[in-house]
């Protein structure tokens, strides 16, 4: 988990996330995450003040220990007061470390 808060003049910004992960098999990781970001704590009108929430579920397959993996994540994004329509994304990527 992580919490962040800051002030930019009169604007207060806040966000946090919580993540849980589990490795059911030696090469397979499953993870879920909840993420929220409020760019303007007092203003909830329009996109500039819309609180965003992301719900994420994903899998990682480790190809070579911790140096190479394939990932797939399903993300559902929502915005307060329907400032932007909710949407869902399917993200796939490969990652290599050296």
C-alpha atoms as a PDB file:
ATOM      1  CA  UNK A   1       0.000   0.000   0.000  1.00  0.00           C
ATOM      2  CA  UNK A   2       0.987   3.608  -0.448  1.00  0.00           C
ATOM      3  CA  UNK A   3      -0.665   6.899   0.441  1.00  0.00           C
ATOM      4  CA  UNK A   4       0.217  10.272  -1.002  1.00  0.00           C
ATOM      5  CA  UNK A   5      -1.022  13.754  -0.327  1.00  0.00           C
ATOM      6  CA  UNK A   6       0.212  17.147  -1.387  1.00  0.00           C
ATOM      7  CA  UNK A   7      -0.730  20.763  -1.618  1.00  0.00           C
ATOM      8  CA  UNK A   8      -0.143  23.037  -4.611  1.00  0.00           C
ATOM      9  CA  UNK A   9      -1.224  26.504  -3.490  1.00  0.00           C
ATOM     10  CA  UNK A  10      -4.863  26.081  -2.472  1.00  0.00           C
ATOM     11  CA  UNK A  11      -5.229  22.742  -4.254  1.00  0.00           C
ATOM     12  CA  UNK A  12      -5.021  19.567  -2.185  1.00  0.00           C
ATOM     13  CA  UNK A  13      -4.255  16.342  -4.044  1.00  0.00           C
ATOM     14  CA  UNK A  14      -4.629  12.827  -2.636  1.00  0.00           C
ATOM     15  CA  UNK A  15      -4.219   9.284  -3.743  1.00  0.00           C
ATOM     16  CA  UNK A  16      -3.526   5.790  -2.538  1.00  0.00           C
ATOM     17  CA  UNK A  17      -3.351   2.199  -3.682  1.00  0.00           C
ATOM     18  CA  UNK A  18      -3.466  -1.264  -2.188  1.00  0.00           C
ATOM     19  CA  UNK A  19      -1.923  -4.313  -3.857  1.00  0.00           C
ATOM     20  CA  UNK A  20      -2.118  -8.023  -3.061  1.00  0.00           C
ATOM     21  CA  UNK A  21      -0.131 -10.675  -4.925  1.00  0.00           C
ATOM     22  CA  UNK A  22       0.112 -14.448  -4.707  1.00  0.00           C
ATOM     23  CA  UNK A  23       2.348 -17.019  -6.413  1.00  0.00           C
ATOM     24  CA  UNK A  24       0.312 -20.257  -6.793  1.00  0.00           C
ATOM     25  CA  UNK A  25       3.059 -21.872  -8.922  1.00  0.00           C
ATOM     26  CA  UNK A  26       6.813 -21.155  -9.055  1.00  0.00           C
ATOM     27  CA  UNK A  27       6.532 -19.292 -12.388  1.00  0.00           C
ATOM     28  CA  UNK A  28       3.051 -17.765 -12.053  1.00  0.00           C
ATOM     29  CA  UNK A  29       2.079 -14.642 -10.083  1.00  0.00           C
ATOM     30  CA  UNK A  30      -1.468 -13.321  -9.639  1.00  0.00           C
ATOM     31  CA  UNK A  31      -2.137  -9.782  -8.421  1.00  0.00           C
ATOM     32  CA  UNK A  32      -5.055  -7.459  -7.677  1.00  0.00           C
ATOM     33  CA  UNK A  33      -4.807  -3.731  -7.075  1.00  0.00           C
ATOM     34  CA  UNK A  34      -7.124  -0.859  -6.159  1.00  0.00           C
ATOM     35  CA  UNK A  35      -5.879   2.620  -7.018  1.00  0.00           C
ATOM     36  CA  UNK A  36      -7.501   6.030  -6.478  1.00  0.00           C
ATOM     37  CA  UNK A  37      -6.310   9.539  -7.357  1.00  0.00           C
ATOM     38  CA  UNK A  38      -8.051  12.818  -6.537  1.00  0.00           C
ATOM     39  CA  UNK A  39      -6.334  15.680  -8.408  1.00  0.00           C
ATOM     40  CA  UNK A  40      -8.324  18.415  -6.627  1.00  0.00           C
ATOM     41  CA  UNK A  41      -9.794  17.442  -3.253  1.00  0.00           C
ATOM     42  CA  UNK A  42     -12.292  20.355  -3.093  1.00  0.00           C
ATOM     43  CA  UNK A  43     -13.278  20.501  -6.781  1.00  0.00           C
ATOM     44  CA  UNK A  44     -15.361  17.665  -8.173  1.00  0.00           C
ATOM     45  CA  UNK A  45     -16.611  19.283 -11.360  1.00  0.00           C
ATOM     46  CA  UNK A  46     -15.297  18.320 -14.782  1.00  0.00           C
ATOM     47  CA  UNK A  47     -12.237  16.304 -15.688  1.00  0.00           C
ATOM     48  CA  UNK A  48      -9.744  18.535 -13.802  1.00  0.00           C
ATOM     49  CA  UNK A  49     -11.353  17.621 -10.477  1.00  0.00           C
ATOM     50  CA  UNK A  50     -12.630  14.124 -11.186  1.00  0.00           C
ATOM     51  CA  UNK A  51     -11.500  11.426  -8.784  1.00  0.00           C
ATOM     52  CA  UNK A  52     -10.213   8.420 -10.716  1.00  0.00           C
ATOM     53  CA  UNK A  53     -10.421   4.831  -9.486  1.00  0.00           C
ATOM     54  CA  UNK A  54      -8.725   1.840 -11.092  1.00  0.00           C
ATOM     55  CA  UNK A  55      -9.472  -1.800 -10.368  1.00  0.00           C
ATOM     56  CA  UNK A  56      -6.732  -4.108 -11.680  1.00  0.00           C
ATOM     57  CA  UNK A  57      -6.392  -7.899 -11.894  1.00  0.00           C
ATOM     58  CA  UNK A  58      -3.362  -9.465 -13.538  1.00  0.00           C
ATOM     59  CA  UNK A  59      -1.134 -12.451 -14.140  1.00  0.00           C
ATOM     60  CA  UNK A  60       2.632 -12.617 -14.660  1.00  0.00           C
ATOM     61  CA  UNK A  61       4.462 -15.622 -16.082  1.00  0.00           C
ATOM     62  CA  UNK A  62       8.157 -15.729 -15.176  1.00  0.00           C
ATOM     63  CA  UNK A  63      10.224 -16.974 -18.119  1.00  0.00           C
ATOM     64  CA  UNK A  64      13.700 -16.898 -16.565  1.00  0.00           C
ATOM     65  CA  UNK A  65      13.722 -16.414 -12.810  1.00  0.00           C
ATOM     66  CA  UNK A  66      13.231 -12.683 -12.172  1.00  0.00           C
ATOM     67  CA  UNK A  67      14.912 -11.462 -15.386  1.00  0.00           C
ATOM     68  CA  UNK A  68      12.143 -12.034 -17.962  1.00  0.00           C
ATOM     69  CA  UNK A  69       8.369 -12.213 -17.712  1.00  0.00           C
ATOM     70  CA  UNK A  70       5.130 -11.880 -19.644  1.00  0.00           C
ATOM     71  CA  UNK A  71       2.241  -9.963 -18.080  1.00  0.00           C
ATOM     72  CA  UNK A  72      -1.443  -9.492 -18.739  1.00  0.00           C
ATOM     73  CA  UNK A  73      -3.627  -7.051 -16.779  1.00  0.00           C
ATOM     74  CA  UNK A  74      -7.310  -6.209 -16.888  1.00  0.00           C
ATOM     75  CA  UNK A  75      -7.973  -2.608 -15.772  1.00  0.00           C
ATOM     76  CA  UNK A  76     -11.382  -1.050 -15.104  1.00  0.00           C
ATOM     77  CA  UNK A  77     -11.257   2.777 -14.801  1.00  0.00           C
ATOM     78  CA  UNK A  78     -14.022   4.871 -13.282  1.00  0.00           C
ATOM     79  CA  UNK A  79     -14.327   8.622 -12.732  1.00  0.00           C
ATOM     80  CA  UNK A  80     -16.410  10.481 -10.126  1.00  0.00           C
ATOM     81  CA  UNK A  81     -19.617  12.143 -11.329  1.00  0.00           C
ATOM     82  CA  UNK A  82     -19.198  10.512 -14.766  1.00  0.00           C
ATOM     83  CA  UNK A  83     -16.709  13.245 -15.811  1.00  0.00           C
ATOM     84  CA  UNK A  84     -15.386  10.653 -18.286  1.00  0.00           C
ATOM     85  CA  UNK A  85     -17.226   7.435 -19.135  1.00  0.00           C
ATOM     86  CA  UNK A  86     -15.926   4.323 -17.369  1.00  0.00           C
ATOM     87  CA  UNK A  87     -13.738   2.102 -19.495  1.00  0.00           C
ATOM     88  CA  UNK A  88     -11.910  -1.194 -19.375  1.00  0.00           C
ATOM     89  CA  UNK A  89      -8.484  -2.030 -20.775  1.00  0.00           C
ATOM     90  CA  UNK A  90      -6.578  -5.233 -21.433  1.00  0.00           C
ATOM     91  CA  UNK A  91      -2.827  -4.628 -21.184  1.00  0.00           C
ATOM     92  CA  UNK A  92      -0.197  -7.159 -22.249  1.00  0.00           C
ATOM     93  CA  UNK A  93       3.550  -6.706 -22.093  1.00  0.00           C
ATOM     94  CA  UNK A  94       6.917  -8.402 -21.854  1.00  0.00           C
ATOM     95  CA  UNK A  95       9.635  -7.292 -19.460  1.00  0.00           C
ATOM     96  CA  UNK A  96      13.345  -8.058 -19.454  1.00  0.00           C
ATOM     97  CA  UNK A  97      16.005  -7.033 -16.921  1.00  0.00           C
ATOM     98  CA  UNK A  98      19.767  -7.238 -17.342  1.00  0.00           C
END
